[in-house]
Amino acid sequence: MKRMLIVGCMTALLAVGAFAQVFDFTIVNRTGYTIDAVHVTPADDNEWGEDVLGVDTLQNGRSVEIRFDSFYEALLLAFNIDKYDLRCDYSDGSTDEWHDLKLEDINELTLKLDGGGNGIASWR
């Protein structure tokens, strides 16, 4: 069983290396706030993990490409994980979360706040 898992991970790693990154996307900040951190995790995980923003802060009106390590992507593909949660930490200490995102379907993720101050996201 362990051997099959290793072989599966290595196969997925080679496949990811041969094609464009599967889970990379651009995040656009239209929230009106500065984003200090972005955390992405498989939807069934209980911990957020480290910041994947890639820059110190993301000012309102700016965008940045979120890039994932090829090996990490290969592991996600090998385990057939297809839904992810995303959390943004704002400079004022507040946070917003989005659940069950299919990152392989997202090229650009735009984050906004609705009239009540709740985070909303749209993507293409």
Protein backbone atom coordinates (compact mmCIF):
# COMPACT_ATOMS: atom_id res chain seq x y z
CA MET A 1 0.00 0.00 0.00
CA LYS A 2 2.74 2.44 0.96
CA ARG A 3 4.63 1.61 -2.22
CA MET A 4 1.53 2.32 -4.32
CA LEU A 5 1.11 5.69 -2.61
CA ILE A 6 4.72 6.64 -3.33
CA VAL A 7 4.41 5.55 -6.96
CA GLY A 8 1.16 7.51 -7.29
CA CYS A 9 2.74 10.64 -5.83
CA MET A 10 5.75 10.38 -8.11
CA THR A 11 3.54 9.86 -11.16
CA ALA A 12 1.46 12.90 -10.22
CA LEU A 13 4.63 14.92 -9.64
CA LEU A 14 5.90 14.08 -13.11
CA ALA A 15 2.53 14.94 -14.62
CA VAL A 16 2.40 18.31 -12.86
CA GLY A 17 5.93 19.09 -13.98
CA ALA A 18 4.94 18.44 -17.59
CA PHE A 19 1.93 20.79 -17.57
CA ALA A 20 1.05 24.23 -16.25
CA GLN A 21 0.47 24.52 -12.53
CA VAL A 22 -2.99 23.21 -11.71
CA PHE A 23 -3.86 25.23 -8.62
CA ASP A 24 -2.11 28.56 -9.26
CA PHE A 25 -4.41 31.58 -9.51
CA THR A 26 -4.39 35.36 -9.30
CA ILE A 27 -6.06 36.96 -6.31
CA VAL A 28 -7.53 40.46 -6.74
CA ASN A 29 -8.16 42.52 -3.61
CA ARG A 30 -11.27 44.71 -3.91
CA THR A 31 -12.19 44.51 -0.22
CA GLY A 32 -11.23 48.05 0.76
CA TYR A 33 -8.68 46.61 3.22
CA THR A 34 -5.09 45.48 3.08
CA ILE A 35 -4.67 41.70 3.11
CA ASP A 36 -1.82 40.53 5.33
CA ALA A 37 -2.06 36.78 4.69
CA VAL A 38 -3.86 34.19 2.58
CA HIS A 39 -4.22 30.60 3.73
CA VAL A 40 -5.40 27.74 1.51
CA THR A 41 -6.11 24.23 2.76
CA PRO A 42 -7.98 21.15 1.59
CA ALA A 43 -11.65 21.56 2.60
CA ASP A 44 -11.57 18.65 5.05
CA ASP A 45 -8.45 19.88 6.88
CA ASN A 46 -8.75 21.41 10.36
CA GLU A 47 -5.66 23.65 10.17
CA TRP A 48 -4.95 26.58 7.90
CA GLY A 49 -1.22 26.14 7.45
CA GLU A 50 1.19 28.81 6.35
CA ASP A 51 0.59 32.03 4.44
CA VAL A 52 0.70 31.57 0.64
CA LEU A 53 0.32 35.26 -0.28
CA GLY A 54 3.90 35.52 -1.52
CA VAL A 55 4.18 39.24 -0.71
CA ASP A 56 4.21 41.12 2.60
CA THR A 57 0.77 42.65 2.06
CA LEU A 58 -1.76 42.98 -0.72
CA GLN A 59 -3.16 46.50 -0.89
CA ASN A 60 -6.75 47.17 -1.94
CA GLY A 61 -7.01 47.39 -5.73
CA ARG A 62 -3.89 45.26 -6.29
CA SER A 63 -3.46 41.66 -7.37
CA VAL A 64 -0.87 38.92 -6.93
CA GLU A 65 -0.39 35.45 -8.35
CA ILE A 66 -0.71 32.66 -5.80
CA ARG A 67 1.71 29.90 -6.79
CA PHE A 68 1.94 26.46 -5.25
CA ASP A 69 4.98 24.24 -5.09
CA SER A 70 4.92 21.49 -7.76
CA PHE A 71 5.50 18.74 -5.21
CA TYR A 72 2.62 20.00 -3.03
CA GLU A 73 0.34 20.10 -6.07
CA ALA A 74 1.39 16.55 -6.97
CA LEU A 75 0.41 15.36 -3.50
CA LEU A 76 -2.98 17.06 -3.74
CA LEU A 77 -3.56 15.48 -7.14
CA ALA A 78 -2.42 12.07 -5.92
CA PHE A 79 -4.92 12.20 -3.07
CA ASN A 80 -7.66 13.41 -5.45
CA ILE A 81 -8.49 16.47 -3.35
CA ASP A 82 -10.82 18.75 -5.29
CA LYS A 83 -12.24 21.27 -2.80
CA TYR A 84 -10.31 23.87 -0.84
CA ASP A 85 -10.96 26.52 1.77
CA LEU A 86 -9.35 29.96 1.66
CA ARG A 87 -8.91 32.47 4.49
CA CYS A 88 -7.75 36.08 4.24
CA ASP A 89 -6.29 37.90 7.23
CA TYR A 90 -6.77 41.66 7.01
CA SER A 91 -4.51 44.33 8.46
CA ASP A 92 -7.21 45.35 10.96
CA GLY A 93 -7.17 41.83 12.48
CA SER A 94 -10.40 40.63 10.88
CA THR A 95 -10.65 37.58 8.60
CA ASP A 96 -12.90 36.20 5.88
CA GLU A 97 -13.25 32.59 4.78
CA TRP A 98 -14.48 30.94 1.60
CA HIS A 99 -15.23 27.22 1.54
CA ASP A 100 -15.34 24.41 -1.01
CA LEU A 101 -13.53 26.25 -3.81
CA LYS A 102 -12.44 24.20 -6.83
CA LEU A 103 -9.04 25.82 -7.41
CA GLU A 104 -8.41 24.01 -10.68
CA ASP A 105 -11.40 25.94 -12.10
CA ILE A 106 -10.16 29.35 -10.89
CA ASN A 107 -7.76 31.54 -12.86
CA GLU A 108 -8.59 34.82 -11.13
CA LEU A 109 -10.27 35.16 -7.73
CA THR A 110 -11.67 38.60 -6.89
CA LEU A 111 -12.42 39.29 -3.23
CA LYS A 112 -14.92 41.98 -2.21
CA LEU A 113 -17.11 42.89 0.76
CA ASP A 114 -20.88 43.17 0.52
CA GLY A 115 -22.91 46.00 2.08
CA GLY A 116 -22.84 44.23 5.45
CA GLY A 117 -19.07 43.85 5.43
CA ASN A 118 -19.15 40.14 4.61
CA GLY A 119 -16.58 38.70 2.23
CA ILE A 120 -17.76 37.68 -1.21
CA ALA A 121 -15.73 36.12 -3.99
CA SER A 122 -16.13 35.82 -7.72
CA TRP A 123 -13.89 33.99 -10.14
CA ARG A 124 -13.26 33.22 -13.73
